[in-house]
Amino acid sequence: MPTYRTDDGWDALGDPTRRAIVACLAERPQAVGELADALPISRPAVSQHLKVLKDAGLVTDRAAGTRRVYRLNPAGVAALRDQLDTFWNRALDGYQDVAEQPTGEKS
């Protein structure tokens, strides 16, 4: 698996494995081993994906004994949602503009 860094949540979520990790963490905080048990990839691969998600601000971690427990970062997820809301509102405004044009008028 190629290793690269990104600080963009959308880029980080472009990978299906990272989306699966986010889905697992949406259920509850988990350690690397728990995530690896739930996914068809190795622990080192999970760790690499978690690093990308952490660099993008989508997950945080804390020490729990000798393990690190990962959870979704509410601020990072909220930022993505805000961007989606902006895209959605722009699309709705564009649709409303077209829908309110008199019949037969072209823009």
C-alpha atoms as a PDB file:
ATOM      1  CA  MET A   1       0.000   0.000   0.000  1.00  0.00           C
ATOM      2  CA  PRO A   2       1.476   3.367  -0.939  1.00  0.00           C
ATOM      3  CA  THR A   3       1.955   5.686   1.993  1.00  0.00           C
ATOM      4  CA  TYR A   4       1.113   9.351   1.610  1.00  0.00           C
ATOM      5  CA  ARG A   5       0.049  12.177   3.834  1.00  0.00           C
ATOM      6  CA  THR A   6      -2.977  14.369   3.491  1.00  0.00           C
ATOM      7  CA  ASP A   7      -4.581  16.970   5.664  1.00  0.00           C
ATOM      8  CA  ASP A   8      -7.811  16.993   3.666  1.00  0.00           C
ATOM      9  CA  GLY A   9     -10.665  14.943   5.082  1.00  0.00           C
ATOM     10  CA  TRP A  10     -12.168  14.368   1.646  1.00  0.00           C
ATOM     11  CA  ASP A  11      -8.898  12.963   0.300  1.00  0.00           C
ATOM     12  CA  ALA A  12      -8.561  10.763   3.377  1.00  0.00           C
ATOM     13  CA  LEU A  13     -12.079   9.396   2.871  1.00  0.00           C
ATOM     14  CA  GLY A  14     -11.380   8.645  -0.789  1.00  0.00           C
ATOM     15  CA  ASP A  15     -10.022   5.256   0.213  1.00  0.00           C
ATOM     16  CA  PRO A  16     -12.637   2.527   0.891  1.00  0.00           C
ATOM     17  CA  THR A  17     -10.612   1.030   3.740  1.00  0.00           C
ATOM     18  CA  ARG A  18     -10.450   4.382   5.522  1.00  0.00           C
ATOM     19  CA  ARG A  19     -14.200   4.808   5.040  1.00  0.00           C
ATOM     20  CA  ALA A  20     -14.648   1.358   6.629  1.00  0.00           C
ATOM     21  CA  ILE A  21     -12.457   2.390   9.557  1.00  0.00           C
ATOM     22  CA  VAL A  22     -14.501   5.566  10.025  1.00  0.00           C
ATOM     23  CA  ALA A  23     -17.693   3.472   9.952  1.00  0.00           C
ATOM     24  CA  CYS A  24     -16.263   1.184  12.665  1.00  0.00           C
ATOM     25  CA  LEU A  25     -15.226   4.148  14.795  1.00  0.00           C
ATOM     26  CA  ALA A  26     -18.662   5.707  14.380  1.00  0.00           C
ATOM     27  CA  GLU A  27     -20.003   2.763  16.380  1.00  0.00           C
ATOM     28  CA  ARG A  28     -17.479   3.076  19.222  1.00  0.00           C
ATOM     29  CA  PRO A  29     -13.835   3.906  19.961  1.00  0.00           C
ATOM     30  CA  GLN A  30     -11.514   1.017  19.116  1.00  0.00           C
ATOM     31  CA  ALA A  31      -7.876  -0.032  19.255  1.00  0.00           C
ATOM     32  CA  VAL A  32      -5.880  -0.993  16.169  1.00  0.00           C
ATOM     33  CA  GLY A  33      -6.238  -4.706  16.909  1.00  0.00           C
ATOM     34  CA  GLU A  34     -10.015  -4.473  17.151  1.00  0.00           C
ATOM     35  CA  LEU A  35     -10.166  -2.631  13.839  1.00  0.00           C
ATOM     36  CA  ALA A  36      -7.842  -5.175  12.191  1.00  0.00           C
ATOM     37  CA  ASP A  37     -10.060  -8.008  13.441  1.00  0.00           C
ATOM     38  CA  ALA A  38     -13.081  -6.365  11.797  1.00  0.00           C
ATOM     39  CA  LEU A  39     -11.340  -5.620   8.482  1.00  0.00           C
ATOM     40  CA  PRO A  40      -9.536  -7.778   5.910  1.00  0.00           C
ATOM     41  CA  ILE A  41      -6.207  -5.985   6.423  1.00  0.00           C
ATOM     42  CA  SER A  42      -3.245  -6.290   8.787  1.00  0.00           C
ATOM     43  CA  ARG A  43      -2.625  -4.277  11.933  1.00  0.00           C
ATOM     44  CA  PRO A  44       0.241  -2.349  10.300  1.00  0.00           C
ATOM     45  CA  ALA A  45      -2.062  -1.430   7.405  1.00  0.00           C
ATOM     46  CA  VAL A  46      -4.754  -0.277   9.846  1.00  0.00           C
ATOM     47  CA  SER A  47      -2.134   1.842  11.619  1.00  0.00           C
ATOM     48  CA  GLN A  48      -1.109   3.472   8.327  1.00  0.00           C
ATOM     49  CA  HIS A  49      -4.726   4.278   7.494  1.00  0.00           C
ATOM     50  CA  LEU A  50      -5.309   5.668  10.985  1.00  0.00           C
ATOM     51  CA  LYS A  51      -2.304   7.945  10.571  1.00  0.00           C
ATOM     52  CA  VAL A  52      -3.808   9.411   7.398  1.00  0.00           C
ATOM     53  CA  LEU A  53      -7.176   9.870   9.137  1.00  0.00           C
ATOM     54  CA  LYS A  54      -5.466  11.460  12.145  1.00  0.00           C
ATOM     55  CA  ASP A  55      -3.407  13.814   9.939  1.00  0.00           C
ATOM     56  CA  ALA A  56      -6.664  14.837   8.255  1.00  0.00           C
ATOM     57  CA  GLY A  57      -8.191  15.622  11.663  1.00  0.00           C
ATOM     58  CA  LEU A  58     -10.882  12.949  11.414  1.00  0.00           C
ATOM     59  CA  VAL A  59      -9.727  10.745  14.299  1.00  0.00           C
ATOM     60  CA  THR A  60      -8.007  11.237  17.630  1.00  0.00           C
ATOM     61  CA  ASP A  61      -6.308   8.745  19.885  1.00  0.00           C
ATOM     62  CA  ARG A  62      -5.499   8.274  23.542  1.00  0.00           C
ATOM     63  CA  ALA A  63      -3.285   5.900  25.447  1.00  0.00           C
ATOM     64  CA  ALA A  64      -5.015   3.047  27.279  1.00  0.00           C
ATOM     65  CA  GLY A  65      -2.247   1.053  28.907  1.00  0.00           C
ATOM     66  CA  THR A  66      -0.053  -0.287  26.112  1.00  0.00           C
ATOM     67  CA  ARG A  67      -2.715   0.324  23.444  1.00  0.00           C
ATOM     68  CA  ARG A  68      -3.916   3.398  21.644  1.00  0.00           C
ATOM     69  CA  VAL A  69      -7.671   3.765  21.360  1.00  0.00           C
ATOM     70  CA  TYR A  70      -8.967   5.697  18.363  1.00  0.00           C
ATOM     71  CA  ARG A  71     -12.216   7.612  18.088  1.00  0.00           C
ATOM     72  CA  LEU A  72     -13.784   9.979  15.604  1.00  0.00           C
ATOM     73  CA  ASN A  73     -12.856  13.619  16.071  1.00  0.00           C
ATOM     74  CA  PRO A  74     -16.171  15.501  16.347  1.00  0.00           C
ATOM     75  CA  ALA A  75     -14.576  18.751  15.135  1.00  0.00           C
ATOM     76  CA  GLY A  76     -13.124  17.126  12.007  1.00  0.00           C
ATOM     77  CA  VAL A  77     -16.360  15.342  11.153  1.00  0.00           C
ATOM     78  CA  ALA A  78     -18.335  18.549  11.779  1.00  0.00           C
ATOM     79  CA  ALA A  79     -16.081  20.428   9.357  1.00  0.00           C
ATOM     80  CA  LEU A  80     -16.868  17.895   6.616  1.00  0.00           C
ATOM     81  CA  ARG A  81     -20.555  18.154   7.375  1.00  0.00           C
ATOM     82  CA  ASP A  82     -20.389  21.949   7.157  1.00  0.00           C
ATOM     83  CA  GLN A  83     -18.783  21.639   3.733  1.00  0.00           C
ATOM     84  CA  LEU A  84     -21.486  19.209   2.613  1.00  0.00           C
ATOM     85  CA  ASP A  85     -24.182  21.569   3.887  1.00  0.00           C
ATOM     86  CA  THR A  86     -22.593  24.385   1.874  1.00  0.00           C
ATOM     87  CA  PHE A  87     -22.535  22.246  -1.295  1.00  0.00           C
ATOM     88  CA  TRP A  88     -26.122  21.122  -0.719  1.00  0.00           C
ATOM     89  CA  ASN A  89     -27.388  24.658  -0.101  1.00  0.00           C
ATOM     90  CA  ARG A  90     -25.685  25.926  -3.260  1.00  0.00           C
ATOM     91  CA  ALA A  91     -27.257  23.098  -5.264  1.00  0.00           C
ATOM     92  CA  LEU A  92     -30.702  23.880  -3.832  1.00  0.00           C
ATOM     93  CA  ASP A  93     -30.284  27.590  -4.568  1.00  0.00           C
ATOM     94  CA  GLY A  94     -29.308  26.777  -8.160  1.00  0.00           C
ATOM     95  CA  TYR A  95     -32.311  24.488  -8.533  1.00  0.00           C
ATOM     96  CA  GLN A  96     -34.614  27.143  -7.088  1.00  0.00           C
ATOM     97  CA  ASP A  97     -33.258  29.740  -9.533  1.00  0.00           C
ATOM     98  CA  VAL A  98     -33.983  27.436 -12.475  1.00  0.00           C
ATOM     99  CA  ALA A  99     -37.380  26.367 -11.140  1.00  0.00           C
ATOM    100  CA  GLU A 100     -38.516  29.970 -10.674  1.00  0.00           C
ATOM    101  CA  GLN A 101     -37.674  31.027 -14.232  1.00  0.00           C
ATOM    102  CA  PRO A 102     -40.766  31.677 -16.333  1.00  0.00           C
ATOM    103  CA  THR A 103     -41.622  28.844 -18.720  1.00  0.00           C
ATOM    104  CA  GLY A 104     -39.719  29.072 -21.991  1.00  0.00           C
ATOM    105  CA  GLU A 105     -37.000  31.370 -20.618  1.00  0.00           C
ATOM    106  CA  LYS A 106     -33.494  30.019 -21.000  1.00  0.00           C
ATOM    107  CA  SER A 107     -30.490  31.170 -19.061  1.00  0.00           C
END
